[in-house]
């Protein structure tokens, strides 16, 4: 049986923490959490809804989002977390490449 969204969130947080992420903020409604690795300025967002264009424009520090908007099995949550971590790391690598390219120009 699929866990209810709060249980799914709890599992997702535990799995993200096992990848080195820490919850650093929660929105006022409590339906979005912001996590990041230690000493990293960039965030991964865990929420029960996708971001709007306005939210994406306002929060440029979010490199990846993990949306759990319906009940999911533990295996599905594990796969979603793995995808989100992979996307976060790929975005982080692109940011590092952009910074090194910008720094090498004269």
Protein backbone atom coordinates (compact mmCIF):
# COMPACT_ATOMS: atom_id res chain seq x y z
CA UNK A 1 0.00 0.00 0.00
CA UNK A 2 1.22 3.49 -0.82
CA UNK A 3 2.01 5.81 2.07
CA UNK A 4 -0.10 8.92 2.50
CA UNK A 5 1.66 12.12 1.42
CA UNK A 6 2.92 13.03 4.96
CA UNK A 7 4.47 9.57 5.30
CA UNK A 8 5.83 9.89 1.77
CA UNK A 9 7.42 13.23 2.70
CA UNK A 10 8.99 11.71 5.80
CA UNK A 11 10.46 8.86 3.77
CA UNK A 12 11.72 11.25 1.09
CA UNK A 13 13.40 13.44 3.74
CA UNK A 14 15.10 10.42 5.32
CA UNK A 15 16.33 9.24 1.92
CA UNK A 16 17.57 12.73 1.00
CA UNK A 17 19.36 12.96 4.34
CA UNK A 18 21.11 9.69 3.52
CA UNK A 19 22.46 11.49 0.42
CA UNK A 20 23.86 14.32 2.56
CA UNK A 21 20.96 16.78 2.37
CA UNK A 22 19.61 18.66 5.41
CA UNK A 23 16.26 20.42 5.75
CA UNK A 24 17.07 24.12 6.07
CA UNK A 25 13.66 25.74 5.54
CA UNK A 26 9.94 25.09 5.32
CA UNK A 27 7.33 27.35 3.75
CA UNK A 28 4.56 28.83 5.89
CA UNK A 29 1.94 26.28 4.80
CA UNK A 30 4.34 23.42 5.46
CA UNK A 31 3.81 21.89 2.04
CA UNK A 32 7.32 22.61 0.77
CA UNK A 33 10.67 21.81 2.32
CA UNK A 34 14.02 23.14 1.18
CA UNK A 35 17.08 20.96 1.61
CA UNK A 36 20.74 21.38 0.75
CA UNK A 37 24.05 19.64 1.29
CA UNK A 38 26.37 21.09 3.91
CA UNK A 39 28.28 24.18 2.78
CA UNK A 40 26.24 24.45 -0.42
CA UNK A 41 24.27 27.58 -1.34
CA UNK A 42 21.91 25.68 -3.68
CA UNK A 43 18.66 23.97 -2.67
CA UNK A 44 16.54 20.99 -3.56
CA UNK A 45 12.80 21.55 -3.05
CA UNK A 46 10.46 18.81 -1.79
CA UNK A 47 6.80 19.69 -2.21
CA UNK A 48 3.32 18.42 -2.89
CA UNK A 49 2.94 20.72 -5.92
CA UNK A 50 4.98 21.98 -8.85
CA UNK A 51 6.42 25.48 -8.78
CA UNK A 52 4.78 28.25 -10.75
CA UNK A 53 6.72 30.44 -13.16
CA UNK A 54 6.60 33.24 -10.57
CA UNK A 55 8.06 30.93 -7.90
CA UNK A 56 10.81 29.77 -10.29
CA UNK A 57 11.71 33.39 -11.06
CA UNK A 58 11.77 34.36 -7.38
CA UNK A 59 13.74 31.35 -6.06
CA UNK A 60 16.69 30.92 -8.42
CA UNK A 61 18.61 29.09 -5.68
CA UNK A 62 16.59 25.90 -6.27
CA UNK A 63 18.40 23.54 -8.61
CA UNK A 64 15.95 20.63 -8.49
CA UNK A 65 12.47 19.82 -7.24
CA UNK A 66 10.93 16.62 -5.98
CA UNK A 67 7.14 16.68 -6.17
CA UNK A 68 5.06 14.07 -4.37
CA UNK A 69 1.48 15.03 -5.16
CA UNK A 70 -0.24 11.69 -4.66
CA UNK A 71 0.26 8.51 -2.66
CA UNK A 72 3.37 6.62 -3.77
CA UNK A 73 4.90 3.31 -2.82
CA UNK A 74 8.21 3.26 -0.99
CA UNK A 75 9.90 1.99 -4.16
CA UNK A 76 8.43 4.86 -6.18
CA UNK A 77 9.63 7.37 -3.59
CA UNK A 78 13.12 5.85 -3.67
CA UNK A 79 13.17 6.24 -7.46
CA UNK A 80 11.89 9.84 -7.26
CA UNK A 81 14.56 10.70 -4.68
CA UNK A 82 17.30 9.10 -6.79
CA UNK A 83 16.15 11.13 -9.82
CA UNK A 84 16.00 14.36 -7.80
CA UNK A 85 19.50 13.81 -6.37
CA UNK A 86 20.85 13.04 -9.85
CA UNK A 87 19.17 16.19 -11.25
CA UNK A 88 20.50 18.30 -8.37
CA UNK A 89 24.06 17.05 -8.88
CA UNK A 90 23.87 17.58 -12.65
CA UNK A 91 22.62 21.14 -12.14
CA UNK A 92 25.33 21.75 -9.57
CA UNK A 93 27.96 20.54 -12.05
CA UNK A 94 26.55 22.87 -14.73
CA UNK A 95 26.74 25.79 -12.28
CA UNK A 96 30.39 24.93 -11.53
CA UNK A 97 31.16 24.71 -15.27
CA UNK A 98 29.51 28.09 -15.89
CA UNK A 99 31.50 29.67 -13.06
CA UNK A 100 34.80 28.29 -14.35
CA UNK A 101 34.03 29.42 -17.91
CA UNK A 102 33.15 32.91 -16.68
CA UNK A 103 36.32 33.07 -14.59
CA UNK A 104 38.56 32.06 -17.48
CA UNK A 105 37.47 34.87 -19.81
CA UNK A 106 39.53 38.01 -20.07
